[in-house]
Protein backbone atom coordinates (compact mmCIF):
# COMPACT_ATOMS: atom_id res chain seq x y z
CA UNK A 1 0.00 0.00 0.00
CA UNK A 2 1.42 3.38 -0.97
CA UNK A 3 0.78 6.92 0.21
CA UNK A 4 1.34 10.15 -1.72
CA UNK A 5 1.60 13.83 -0.85
CA UNK A 6 2.20 16.96 -2.93
CA UNK A 7 4.14 19.98 -1.74
CA UNK A 8 5.35 23.15 -3.45
CA UNK A 9 8.99 23.93 -4.07
CA UNK A 10 11.44 24.99 -6.78
CA UNK A 11 8.57 26.67 -8.64
CA UNK A 12 6.78 23.38 -9.26
CA UNK A 13 4.81 20.58 -7.62
CA UNK A 14 6.89 18.04 -5.73
CA UNK A 15 5.13 14.68 -5.43
CA UNK A 16 6.29 12.23 -2.78
CA UNK A 17 5.25 8.57 -2.75
CA UNK A 18 6.24 6.00 -0.13
CA UNK A 19 5.42 2.32 0.24
CA UNK A 20 4.64 2.67 3.96
CA UNK A 21 1.91 5.28 4.70
CA UNK A 22 3.15 5.62 8.28
CA UNK A 23 6.40 7.11 6.98
CA UNK A 24 4.91 9.66 4.60
CA UNK A 25 5.07 12.60 7.03
CA UNK A 26 8.76 11.96 7.75
CA UNK A 27 9.53 11.81 4.04
CA UNK A 28 7.60 15.00 3.31
CA UNK A 29 9.30 16.86 6.16
CA UNK A 30 12.75 15.95 4.85
CA UNK A 31 11.96 16.78 1.23
CA UNK A 32 10.37 20.09 2.18
CA UNK A 33 13.53 21.06 4.09
CA UNK A 34 15.81 20.17 1.16
CA UNK A 35 13.56 22.00 -1.31
CA UNK A 36 13.57 25.07 0.92
CA UNK A 37 17.38 25.06 1.03
CA UNK A 38 17.56 24.69 -2.75
CA UNK A 39 15.06 27.53 -3.24
CA UNK A 40 17.21 29.76 -1.05
CA UNK A 41 20.20 28.83 -3.18
CA UNK A 42 19.07 29.06 -6.83
CA UNK A 43 15.48 30.34 -7.05
CA UNK A 44 15.59 34.00 -8.04
CA UNK A 45 11.97 34.39 -6.97
CA UNK A 46 13.11 33.61 -3.42
CA UNK A 47 14.12 36.59 -1.29
CA UNK A 48 17.92 36.95 -1.18
CA UNK A 49 18.66 33.73 -3.05
CA UNK A 50 22.37 32.96 -3.05
CA UNK A 51 22.55 32.94 -6.86
CA UNK A 52 21.80 36.68 -6.84
CA UNK A 53 25.27 37.36 -5.40
CA UNK A 54 26.72 35.66 -8.46
CA UNK A 55 24.47 37.72 -10.74
CA UNK A 56 25.64 40.97 -9.13
CA UNK A 57 29.35 40.15 -9.01
CA UNK A 58 30.10 41.61 -12.43
CA UNK A 59 32.49 38.83 -13.38
CA UNK A 60 34.38 38.87 -10.08
CA UNK A 61 34.94 35.75 -7.92
CA UNK A 62 32.23 35.07 -5.35
CA UNK A 63 32.35 32.84 -2.30
CA UNK A 64 29.61 30.22 -2.57
CA UNK A 65 28.17 27.52 -0.36
CA UNK A 66 29.08 23.89 -0.93
CA UNK A 67 25.53 23.31 -2.19
CA UNK A 68 25.71 26.01 -4.87
CA UNK A 69 29.19 24.84 -5.80
CA UNK A 70 27.89 21.29 -6.33
CA UNK A 71 24.90 22.44 -8.36
CA UNK A 72 27.14 24.48 -10.65
CA UNK A 73 29.50 21.53 -11.12
CA UNK A 74 26.55 19.29 -12.02
CA UNK A 75 25.08 21.88 -14.40
CA UNK A 76 28.36 22.50 -16.22
CA UNK A 77 29.01 18.78 -16.61
CA UNK A 78 25.68 18.19 -18.34
CA UNK A 79 26.07 21.37 -20.37
CA UNK A 80 29.31 19.90 -21.68
CA UNK A 81 27.77 16.49 -22.31
CA UNK A 82 24.79 17.83 -24.27
CA UNK A 83 26.09 21.08 -25.78
CA UNK A 84 24.07 22.93 -23.13
CA UNK A 85 20.79 21.39 -24.34
CA UNK A 86 18.88 22.43 -21.25
CA UNK A 87 20.16 26.02 -21.45
CA UNK A 88 21.68 26.19 -17.97
CA UNK A 89 24.20 28.72 -19.27
CA UNK A 90 22.72 31.78 -20.99
CA UNK A 91 25.19 33.95 -22.86
CA UNK A 92 24.72 37.58 -23.87
CA UNK A 93 25.55 39.12 -27.22
CA UNK A 94 29.32 38.81 -26.84
CA UNK A 95 30.76 36.25 -29.24
CA UNK A 96 33.54 33.89 -28.17
CA UNK A 97 35.02 30.73 -29.69
CA UNK A 98 34.95 29.25 -26.20
CA UNK A 99 31.64 27.61 -25.19
CA UNK A 100 30.04 29.77 -22.50
CA UNK A 101 29.96 26.95 -19.96
CA UNK A 102 33.77 26.67 -20.25
CA UNK A 103 34.09 30.32 -19.28
CA UNK A 104 32.58 29.74 -15.84
CA UNK A 105 35.46 29.22 -13.44
CA UNK A 106 35.30 27.28 -10.18
CA UNK A 107 37.91 27.73 -7.48
CA UNK A 108 38.27 26.72 -3.85
CA UNK A 109 34.83 27.69 -2.63
CA UNK A 110 34.45 30.41 -5.25
CA UNK A 111 32.81 30.80 -8.65
CA UNK A 112 33.57 33.36 -11.34
CA UNK A 113 30.82 33.92 -13.90
CA UNK A 114 31.58 36.41 -16.71
CA UNK A 115 29.26 39.42 -16.67
CA UNK A 116 27.63 38.41 -19.98
CA UNK A 117 26.70 34.95 -18.70
CA UNK A 118 23.74 33.96 -16.53
CA UNK A 119 23.33 30.57 -14.87
CA UNK A 120 19.88 28.97 -14.73
CA UNK A 121 20.13 26.18 -12.16
CA UNK A 122 16.49 25.35 -11.42
CA UNK A 123 16.42 22.19 -13.61
CA UNK A 124 19.64 21.04 -11.96
CA UNK A 125 18.19 21.73 -8.51
CA UNK A 126 15.06 19.71 -9.25
CA UNK A 127 17.14 16.78 -10.44
CA UNK A 128 19.38 17.10 -7.38
CA UNK A 129 16.33 17.07 -5.10
CA UNK A 130 14.74 13.98 -6.64
CA UNK A 131 17.96 11.95 -6.78
CA UNK A 132 19.36 12.77 -3.36
CA UNK A 133 16.17 12.66 -1.32
CA UNK A 134 14.80 9.46 -2.85
CA UNK A 135 18.05 7.60 -2.20
CA UNK A 136 18.57 8.93 1.31
CA UNK A 137 14.99 8.30 2.40
CA UNK A 138 14.95 4.79 0.96
CA UNK A 139 18.04 3.99 3.02
CA UNK A 140 16.97 5.65 6.26
CA UNK A 141 13.29 4.65 6.17
CA UNK A 142 13.84 1.20 4.64
CA UNK A 143 10.91 1.55 2.27
CA UNK A 144 10.29 2.37 -1.37
CA UNK A 145 10.39 6.11 -2.12
CA UNK A 146 9.64 8.00 -5.33
CA UNK A 147 10.08 11.75 -5.69
CA UNK A 148 8.85 13.80 -8.64
CA UNK A 149 9.69 17.45 -9.28
CA UNK A 150 8.20 18.85 -12.45
CA UNK A 151 8.98 16.58 -15.39
CA UNK A 152 11.55 14.46 -13.52
CA UNK A 153 10.92 11.44 -11.30
CA UNK A 154 13.51 9.52 -9.30
CA UNK A 155 13.64 6.47 -7.09
CA UNK A 156 16.69 4.59 -5.76
CA UNK A 157 16.70 2.39 -8.88
CA UNK A 158 17.06 5.28 -11.34
CA UNK A 159 15.19 8.21 -12.80
CA UNK A 160 12.83 9.11 -15.61
CA UNK A 161 12.04 12.35 -17.39
CA UNK A 162 9.14 13.15 -19.67
CA UNK A 163 9.59 16.36 -21.64
CA UNK A 164 7.02 17.56 -24.16
CA UNK A 165 7.64 20.04 -26.94
CA UNK A 166 5.52 22.54 -25.01
CA UNK A 167 7.91 22.29 -22.04
CA UNK A 168 10.73 23.68 -24.17
CA UNK A 169 9.15 27.13 -24.31
CA UNK A 170 10.12 27.59 -20.67
CA UNK A 171 13.83 26.99 -21.25
CA UNK A 172 14.54 27.72 -24.91
CA UNK A 173 14.62 31.32 -26.12
CA UNK A 174 13.45 31.66 -28.79
CA UNK A 175 11.11 28.63 -28.62
CA UNK A 176 11.95 25.87 -31.05
CA UNK A 177 9.90 23.25 -32.84
CA UNK A 178 11.04 19.65 -32.87
CA UNK A 179 10.24 16.37 -34.56
CA UNK A 180 8.86 14.93 -31.32
CA UNK A 181 5.76 15.74 -29.33
CA UNK A 182 7.25 14.11 -26.24
CA UNK A 183 10.51 12.45 -25.23
CA UNK A 184 10.63 10.13 -22.21
CA UNK A 185 13.96 8.88 -20.88
CA UNK A 186 15.09 6.34 -18.29
CA UNK A 187 18.58 6.98 -16.89
CA UNK A 188 20.73 6.38 -13.85
CA UNK A 189 20.25 9.92 -12.56
CA UNK A 190 17.55 12.55 -12.83
CA UNK A 191 19.80 15.23 -14.32
CA UNK A 192 20.95 12.87 -17.07
CA UNK A 193 17.35 11.83 -17.82
CA UNK A 194 16.18 15.42 -18.06
CA UNK A 195 19.03 16.81 -20.14
CA UNK A 196 18.93 13.76 -22.43
CA UNK A 197 15.22 14.33 -23.09
CA UNK A 198 15.80 17.99 -23.93
CA UNK A 199 18.81 17.11 -26.09
CA UNK A 200 16.66 14.69 -28.11
CA UNK A 201 14.10 17.44 -28.74
CA UNK A 202 16.76 19.86 -29.96
CA UNK A 203 18.73 17.33 -32.02
CA UNK A 204 16.12 14.93 -33.44
CA UNK A 205 18.34 13.75 -36.31
CA UNK A 206 20.91 12.21 -33.96
CA UNK A 207 18.66 11.61 -30.95
CA UNK A 208 18.32 7.83 -31.24
CA UNK A 209 22.05 7.16 -31.54
CA UNK A 210 22.94 9.62 -28.78
CA UNK A 211 20.34 8.22 -26.39
CA UNK A 212 21.44 4.66 -27.11
CA UNK A 213 24.98 5.57 -25.99
CA UNK A 214 24.07 7.53 -22.85
CA UNK A 215 20.86 6.28 -21.19
CA UNK A 216 19.10 3.04 -20.33
CA UNK A 217 16.13 3.59 -22.58
CA UNK A 218 13.93 6.19 -24.20
CA UNK A 219 10.63 6.64 -25.96
CA UNK A 220 10.26 9.21 -28.71
CA UNK A 221 6.67 10.12 -29.50
CA UNK A 222 6.32 11.94 -32.80
CA UNK A 223 3.38 13.57 -34.51
CA UNK A 224 0.53 11.39 -35.76
CA UNK A 225 1.26 8.84 -33.00
CA UNK A 226 4.56 7.65 -34.47
CA UNK A 227 6.62 6.16 -31.63
CA UNK A 228 10.23 4.97 -31.48
CA UNK A 229 11.86 3.25 -28.54
CA UNK A 230 15.58 3.18 -27.79
CA UNK A 231 17.36 0.71 -25.54
CA UNK A 232 15.37 -1.02 -22.83
CA UNK A 233 12.10 0.85 -22.47
CA UNK A 234 9.96 -0.30 -19.52
CA UNK A 235 6.32 -1.08 -20.11
CA UNK A 236 4.90 -0.18 -16.69
CA UNK A 237 2.46 2.72 -16.67
CA UNK A 238 4.30 4.33 -13.77
CA UNK A 239 7.57 4.67 -15.63
CA UNK A 240 6.26 5.52 -19.07
CA UNK A 241 4.14 8.34 -17.65
CA UNK A 242 6.78 9.65 -15.29
């Protein structure tokens, strides 16, 4: 028997499901605390979010918390892996032969972001939340735990992401059209699942080969109900609708 609760955080609904209803309140309390810390770190709608100090630094080094440091490391890694498919690094009009995510410099507890670059870490924070809390709670509570934040769902066994073409309007400027109506991905981590799904939308011609090399499985739903699966795609309703 499972129990589910929905809370708000990171500008989205966070859905928590546990196999033991008696443990739901403990799981929700922990996830709410982590979401609150992440909001205070990267959510610009949050009063005095830490990321604002980076925005105002004008290209100078800024001392950052270990949490923000980790989120930036994660974001830059997946930007490199997917050619910044999920647009975590927004560059201004200045042209440079160096990819913008390579121009962000991390030091010992500091980050230097050029003044023409803006980091958007909310997708990374949502993936971080789902991965870390689902694994920790499964270990400490000794029960099955699934955490969903926006389009990403994670449990200790892996993560899924389901990104529709409409979702891209929130992260791609200007909005782009793709071959697929929806891309669903199963991967080892939530951030890989999410960025892989967005990458497939933006690069439909090479999506199947790229997904085959990087994730466990994927489902590409095109117009007129054309569907392609890549790798090992699970058939359970829970995963395919994640």
